[in-house]
Amino acid sequence: MVRPFEDRFANIRELAIESTALVCIYHLFFFTDWVTTVSARRSYDAGWSECAIISLVLLVSLSAIVRNVVINIKQFLKNR
């Protein structure tokens, strides 16, 4: 219902970043003493999957920055 950004792509990106942040927070439970039934191997795998999720979020965020830079350069050259 509420769209904080004007661009559709920015809204989708924001939802994706928020949901991946939630997944990363849940991954952190693997490294606490609350979860005693998880083996060391599963904690190790959870660490790698969390690194992969964070890398994916960084890649999406950097691609958005590059996209905005390219659009601004095109507009600058067009108005020149």
C-alpha atoms as a PDB file:
ATOM      1  CA  MET A   1       0.000   0.000   0.000  1.00  0.00           C
ATOM      2  CA  VAL A   2       2.793   2.395   0.867  1.00  0.00           C
ATOM      3  CA  ARG A   3       5.558   2.978  -1.603  1.00  0.00           C
ATOM      4  CA  PRO A   4       8.490   4.857  -0.100  1.00  0.00           C
ATOM      5  CA  PHE A   5      10.246   5.248  -3.455  1.00  0.00           C
ATOM      6  CA  GLU A   6       8.993   6.610  -6.756  1.00  0.00           C
ATOM      7  CA  ASP A   7      10.776   3.981  -8.852  1.00  0.00           C
ATOM      8  CA  ARG A   8       9.341   0.444  -8.988  1.00  0.00           C
ATOM      9  CA  PHE A   9      12.845  -1.049  -9.102  1.00  0.00           C
ATOM     10  CA  ALA A  10      13.804   0.816  -5.925  1.00  0.00           C
ATOM     11  CA  ASN A  11      10.731  -0.517  -4.106  1.00  0.00           C
ATOM     12  CA  ILE A  12      11.496  -4.086  -5.129  1.00  0.00           C
ATOM     13  CA  ARG A  13      15.155  -3.670  -4.176  1.00  0.00           C
ATOM     14  CA  GLU A  14      14.179  -2.319  -0.761  1.00  0.00           C
ATOM     15  CA  LEU A  15      11.869  -5.281  -0.110  1.00  0.00           C
ATOM     16  CA  ALA A  16      14.601  -7.702  -1.170  1.00  0.00           C
ATOM     17  CA  ILE A  17      17.169  -6.075   1.105  1.00  0.00           C
ATOM     18  CA  GLU A  18      14.788  -6.098   4.066  1.00  0.00           C
ATOM     19  CA  SER A  19      13.899  -9.767   3.570  1.00  0.00           C
ATOM     20  CA  THR A  20      17.529 -10.811   3.192  1.00  0.00           C
ATOM     21  CA  ALA A  21      18.377  -8.877   6.355  1.00  0.00           C
ATOM     22  CA  LEU A  22      15.730 -10.932   8.150  1.00  0.00           C
ATOM     23  CA  VAL A  23      17.204 -14.169   6.765  1.00  0.00           C
ATOM     24  CA  CYS A  24      20.686 -13.099   7.895  1.00  0.00           C
ATOM     25  CA  ILE A  25      19.387 -12.400  11.386  1.00  0.00           C
ATOM     26  CA  TYR A  26      17.860 -15.883  11.542  1.00  0.00           C
ATOM     27  CA  HIS A  27      21.179 -17.346  10.384  1.00  0.00           C
ATOM     28  CA  LEU A  28      22.875 -15.799  13.400  1.00  0.00           C
ATOM     29  CA  PHE A  29      20.933 -18.166  15.675  1.00  0.00           C
ATOM     30  CA  PHE A  30      23.158 -20.988  14.400  1.00  0.00           C
ATOM     31  CA  PHE A  31      26.084 -19.397  16.219  1.00  0.00           C
ATOM     32  CA  THR A  32      24.466 -19.066  19.650  1.00  0.00           C
ATOM     33  CA  ASP A  33      24.199 -21.472  22.560  1.00  0.00           C
ATOM     34  CA  TRP A  34      20.415 -21.558  22.151  1.00  0.00           C
ATOM     35  CA  VAL A  35      20.753 -24.036  19.290  1.00  0.00           C
ATOM     36  CA  THR A  36      22.469 -27.046  20.828  1.00  0.00           C
ATOM     37  CA  THR A  37      21.296 -29.693  18.357  1.00  0.00           C
ATOM     38  CA  VAL A  38      23.185 -28.195  15.429  1.00  0.00           C
ATOM     39  CA  SER A  39      26.509 -29.789  14.608  1.00  0.00           C
ATOM     40  CA  ALA A  40      29.682 -27.851  13.939  1.00  0.00           C
ATOM     41  CA  ARG A  41      29.434 -28.736  10.250  1.00  0.00           C
ATOM     42  CA  ARG A  42      25.964 -27.216   9.978  1.00  0.00           C
ATOM     43  CA  SER A  43      27.131 -24.052  11.720  1.00  0.00           C
ATOM     44  CA  TYR A  44      30.026 -23.902   9.274  1.00  0.00           C
ATOM     45  CA  ASP A  45      27.632 -24.287   6.342  1.00  0.00           C
ATOM     46  CA  ALA A  46      25.308 -21.656   7.810  1.00  0.00           C
ATOM     47  CA  GLY A  47      28.251 -19.264   7.974  1.00  0.00           C
ATOM     48  CA  TRP A  48      29.021 -19.790   4.302  1.00  0.00           C
ATOM     49  CA  SER A  49      25.388 -19.381   3.305  1.00  0.00           C
ATOM     50  CA  GLU A  50      25.224 -16.142   5.293  1.00  0.00           C
ATOM     51  CA  CYS A  51      28.335 -14.899   3.468  1.00  0.00           C
ATOM     52  CA  ALA A  52      26.663 -15.785   0.158  1.00  0.00           C
ATOM     53  CA  ILE A  53      23.485 -13.919   1.098  1.00  0.00           C
ATOM     54  CA  ILE A  54      25.430 -10.829   2.163  1.00  0.00           C
ATOM     55  CA  SER A  55      27.462 -10.954  -1.051  1.00  0.00           C
ATOM     56  CA  LEU A  56      24.260 -11.144  -3.074  1.00  0.00           C
ATOM     57  CA  VAL A  57      22.832  -8.104  -1.287  1.00  0.00           C
ATOM     58  CA  LEU A  58      26.055  -6.191  -1.909  1.00  0.00           C
ATOM     59  CA  LEU A  59      25.973  -7.149  -5.577  1.00  0.00           C
ATOM     60  CA  VAL A  60      22.374  -5.977  -5.955  1.00  0.00           C
ATOM     61  CA  SER A  61      23.095  -2.716  -4.136  1.00  0.00           C
ATOM     62  CA  LEU A  62      26.215  -2.019  -6.183  1.00  0.00           C
ATOM     63  CA  SER A  63      24.364  -2.785  -9.408  1.00  0.00           C
ATOM     64  CA  ALA A  64      21.730  -0.210  -8.418  1.00  0.00           C
ATOM     65  CA  ILE A  65      24.446   2.368  -7.788  1.00  0.00           C
ATOM     66  CA  VAL A  66      26.080   1.636 -11.153  1.00  0.00           C
ATOM     67  CA  ARG A  67      22.661   1.819 -12.839  1.00  0.00           C
ATOM     68  CA  ASN A  68      22.026   5.264 -11.346  1.00  0.00           C
ATOM     69  CA  VAL A  69      25.476   6.492 -12.365  1.00  0.00           C
ATOM     70  CA  VAL A  70      24.960   5.320 -15.946  1.00  0.00           C
ATOM     71  CA  ILE A  71      21.545   7.009 -16.103  1.00  0.00           C
ATOM     72  CA  ASN A  72      23.011  10.258 -14.747  1.00  0.00           C
ATOM     73  CA  ILE A  73      25.878  10.163 -17.233  1.00  0.00           C
ATOM     74  CA  LYS A  74      23.445   9.598 -20.105  1.00  0.00           C
ATOM     75  CA  GLN A  75      21.315  12.537 -18.950  1.00  0.00           C
ATOM     76  CA  PHE A  76      24.369  14.738 -18.575  1.00  0.00           C
ATOM     77  CA  LEU A  77      25.613  13.926 -22.071  1.00  0.00           C
ATOM     78  CA  LYS A  78      22.135  14.373 -23.505  1.00  0.00           C
ATOM     79  CA  ASN A  79      21.721  17.835 -21.960  1.00  0.00           C
ATOM     80  CA  ARG A  80      25.192  18.919 -22.967  1.00  0.00           C
END
